[in-house]
C-alpha atoms as a PDB file:
ATOM      1  CA  MET A   1       0.637  15.857  -5.492  1.00  0.00           C
ATOM      2  CA  ASN A   2       2.367  17.784  -8.194  1.00  0.00           C
ATOM      3  CA  GLU A   3       2.494  16.604 -11.815  1.00  0.00           C
ATOM      4  CA  GLU A   4       6.156  17.610 -12.157  1.00  0.00           C
ATOM      5  CA  TYR A   5       7.382  14.798  -9.900  1.00  0.00           C
ATOM      6  CA  ASP A   6       8.839  11.750 -11.596  1.00  0.00           C
ATOM      7  CA  LEU A   7       8.137   8.058 -11.210  1.00  0.00           C
ATOM      8  CA  ASN A   8      10.860   7.531  -8.595  1.00  0.00           C
ATOM      9  CA  TYR A   9       9.257  10.135  -6.341  1.00  0.00           C
ATOM     10  CA  PHE A  10       5.928   8.299  -6.387  1.00  0.00           C
ATOM     11  CA  LEU A  11       7.558   4.878  -5.960  1.00  0.00           C
ATOM     12  CA  LEU A  12       9.337   6.184  -2.853  1.00  0.00           C
ATOM     13  CA  TYR A  13       6.116   7.581  -1.399  1.00  0.00           C
ATOM     14  CA  LYS A  14       4.247   4.395  -2.224  1.00  0.00           C
ATOM     15  CA  LYS A  15       6.669   2.509   0.053  1.00  0.00           C
ATOM     16  CA  LYS A  16       6.342   5.161   2.770  1.00  0.00           C
ATOM     17  CA  TYR A  17       2.532   5.140   2.655  1.00  0.00           C
ATOM     18  CA  VAL A  18       2.384   1.332   2.821  1.00  0.00           C
ATOM     19  CA  LYS A  19       4.740   1.344   5.806  1.00  0.00           C
ATOM     20  CA  ILE A  20       2.651   3.981   7.621  1.00  0.00           C
ATOM     21  CA  ILE A  21      -0.565   2.051   6.920  1.00  0.00           C
ATOM     22  CA  ASN A  22       0.990  -1.130   8.323  1.00  0.00           C
ATOM     23  CA  TYR A  23       2.052   0.728  11.487  1.00  0.00           C
ATOM     24  CA  LEU A  24      -1.407   2.245  11.894  1.00  0.00           C
ATOM     25  CA  ASP A  25      -3.051  -1.164  11.384  1.00  0.00           C
ATOM     26  CA  GLY A  26      -0.910  -2.531  14.220  1.00  0.00           C
ATOM     27  CA  ILE A  27      -1.796   0.365  16.487  1.00  0.00           C
ATOM     28  CA  ILE A  28      -5.509  -0.015  15.722  1.00  0.00           C
ATOM     29  CA  GLU A  29      -5.414  -3.755  16.452  1.00  0.00           C
ATOM     30  CA  ASN A  30      -3.577  -3.185  19.737  1.00  0.00           C
ATOM     31  CA  LEU A  31      -6.053  -0.498  20.777  1.00  0.00           C
ATOM     32  CA  LYS A  32      -8.970  -2.809  20.001  1.00  0.00           C
ATOM     33  CA  LEU A  33      -7.449  -5.412  22.337  1.00  0.00           C
ATOM     34  CA  ASP A  34      -7.019  -2.840  25.129  1.00  0.00           C
ATOM     35  CA  ASN A  35     -10.181  -2.911  27.241  1.00  0.00           C
ATOM     36  CA  ASP A  36      -9.356   0.500  28.736  1.00  0.00           C
ATOM     37  CA  CYS A  37      -9.048   2.198  25.350  1.00  0.00           C
ATOM     38  CA  ASP A  38     -11.478   4.928  24.406  1.00  0.00           C
ATOM     39  CA  GLU A  39     -13.383   4.390  21.146  1.00  0.00           C
ATOM     40  CA  ASP A  40     -12.471   7.953  20.130  1.00  0.00           C
ATOM     41  CA  ASP A  41      -8.793   6.995  20.205  1.00  0.00           C
ATOM     42  CA  ILE A  42      -9.391   4.070  17.847  1.00  0.00           C
ATOM     43  CA  ASN A  43     -11.475   6.247  15.531  1.00  0.00           C
ATOM     44  CA  TRP A  44      -8.722   8.884  15.422  1.00  0.00           C
ATOM     45  CA  PHE A  45      -6.209   6.302  14.202  1.00  0.00           C
ATOM     46  CA  ILE A  46      -8.718   4.845  11.730  1.00  0.00           C
ATOM     47  CA  LYS A  47      -9.306   8.335  10.308  1.00  0.00           C
ATOM     48  CA  LYS A  48      -5.534   8.830   9.909  1.00  0.00           C
ATOM     49  CA  ARG A  49      -5.227   5.421   8.246  1.00  0.00           C
ATOM     50  CA  ASN A  50      -8.002   6.293   5.795  1.00  0.00           C
ATOM     51  CA  THR A  51      -6.299   9.608   4.957  1.00  0.00           C
ATOM     52  CA  ILE A  52      -3.000   7.845   4.203  1.00  0.00           C
ATOM     53  CA  SER A  53      -4.859   5.176   2.242  1.00  0.00           C
ATOM     54  CA  ASP A  54      -6.420   7.886   0.066  1.00  0.00           C
ATOM     55  CA  LYS A  55      -2.974   9.386  -0.538  1.00  0.00           C
ATOM     56  CA  LEU A  56      -1.644   5.946  -1.443  1.00  0.00           C
ATOM     57  CA  GLU A  57      -4.428   5.521  -3.995  1.00  0.00           C
ATOM     58  CA  VAL A  58      -3.535   8.840  -5.653  1.00  0.00           C
ATOM     59  CA  CYS A  59       0.115   7.810  -5.640  1.00  0.00           C
ATOM     60  CA  LEU A  60      -0.685   4.425  -7.233  1.00  0.00           C
ATOM     61  CA  ASN A  61      -2.645   6.138  -9.996  1.00  0.00           C
ATOM     62  CA  LYS A  62       0.293   8.459 -10.689  1.00  0.00           C
ATOM     63  CA  ILE A  63       2.652   5.480 -10.819  1.00  0.00           C
ATOM     64  CA  LYS A  64       0.359   3.588 -13.168  1.00  0.00           C
ATOM     65  CA  ASN A  65       0.266   6.566 -15.541  1.00  0.00           C
ATOM     66  CA  LEU A  66       3.977   7.443 -15.380  1.00  0.00           C
ATOM     67  CA  CYS A  67       5.514   3.981 -15.524  1.00  0.00           C
ATOM     68  CA  VAL A  68       6.689   2.478 -18.801  1.00  0.00           C
ATOM     69  CA  HIS A  69       5.628  -0.968 -17.677  1.00  0.00           C
ATOM     70  CA  GLU A  70       7.874  -3.972 -18.133  1.00  0.00           C
ATOM     71  CA  TYR A  71       5.600  -6.923 -17.437  1.00  0.00           C
ATOM     72  CA  VAL A  72       6.881 -10.378 -16.593  1.00  0.00           C
ATOM     73  CA  ASN A  73       5.128 -13.645 -15.844  1.00  0.00           C
ATOM     74  CA  ASP A  74       5.981 -15.343 -12.575  1.00  0.00           C
ATOM     75  CA  GLU A  75       4.799 -18.088 -10.259  1.00  0.00           C
ATOM     76  CA  ILE A  76       4.020 -17.395  -6.614  1.00  0.00           C
ATOM     77  CA  ASP A  77       3.562 -20.057  -3.951  1.00  0.00           C
ATOM     78  CA  ILE A  78       0.132 -20.062  -2.380  1.00  0.00           C
ATOM     79  CA  ASP A  79       1.001 -22.926  -0.062  1.00  0.00           C
ATOM     80  CA  PRO A  80       3.586 -25.756  -0.172  1.00  0.00           C
ATOM     81  CA  GLU A  81       1.555 -27.716  -2.740  1.00  0.00           C
ATOM     82  CA  ARG A  82       0.133 -24.947  -4.929  1.00  0.00           C
ATOM     83  CA  SER A  83       1.375 -21.992  -6.937  1.00  0.00           C
ATOM     84  CA  GLN A  84      -0.302 -19.350  -9.066  1.00  0.00           C
ATOM     85  CA  SER A  85       0.786 -17.515 -12.193  1.00  0.00           C
ATOM     86  CA  ILE A  86       0.896 -13.728 -12.012  1.00  0.00           C
ATOM     87  CA  THR A  87       1.903 -10.982 -14.409  1.00  0.00           C
ATOM     88  CA  TYR A  88       3.427  -7.869 -12.877  1.00  0.00           C
ATOM     89  CA  CYS A  89       5.580  -4.870 -13.767  1.00  0.00           C
ATOM     90  CA  VAL A  90       9.176  -5.204 -12.552  1.00  0.00           C
ATOM     91  CA  ILE A  91       9.399  -1.417 -12.149  1.00  0.00           C
ATOM     92  CA  CYS A  92       6.252  -0.503 -10.215  1.00  0.00           C
ATOM     93  CA  GLU A  93       4.858  -3.943  -9.251  1.00  0.00           C
ATOM     94  CA  HIS A  94       1.499  -3.257 -10.924  1.00  0.00           C
ATOM     95  CA  THR A  95      -0.273  -6.563 -11.549  1.00  0.00           C
ATOM     96  CA  LEU A  96      -2.492  -7.472 -14.461  1.00  0.00           C
END
């Protein structure tokens, strides 16, 4: 990834990488349920998932370094009776 790209570029690719990882996770789970599936097929998809995961990690580091963080405190529901306080950046969603 090139240093000349701006924050918006990395935020866009963060979303793309997360989406790809979610798709690959679904494929891997479906292949594991398929009794006729070859283990090599599953491993191929796992390798691709790991490659995208590595790219996501690089992207997240770029975002963390480029973003002028605007942190806010918020409450998230854990279940209907409990919530938890979190602090996150409204721009890049980095949590403290």
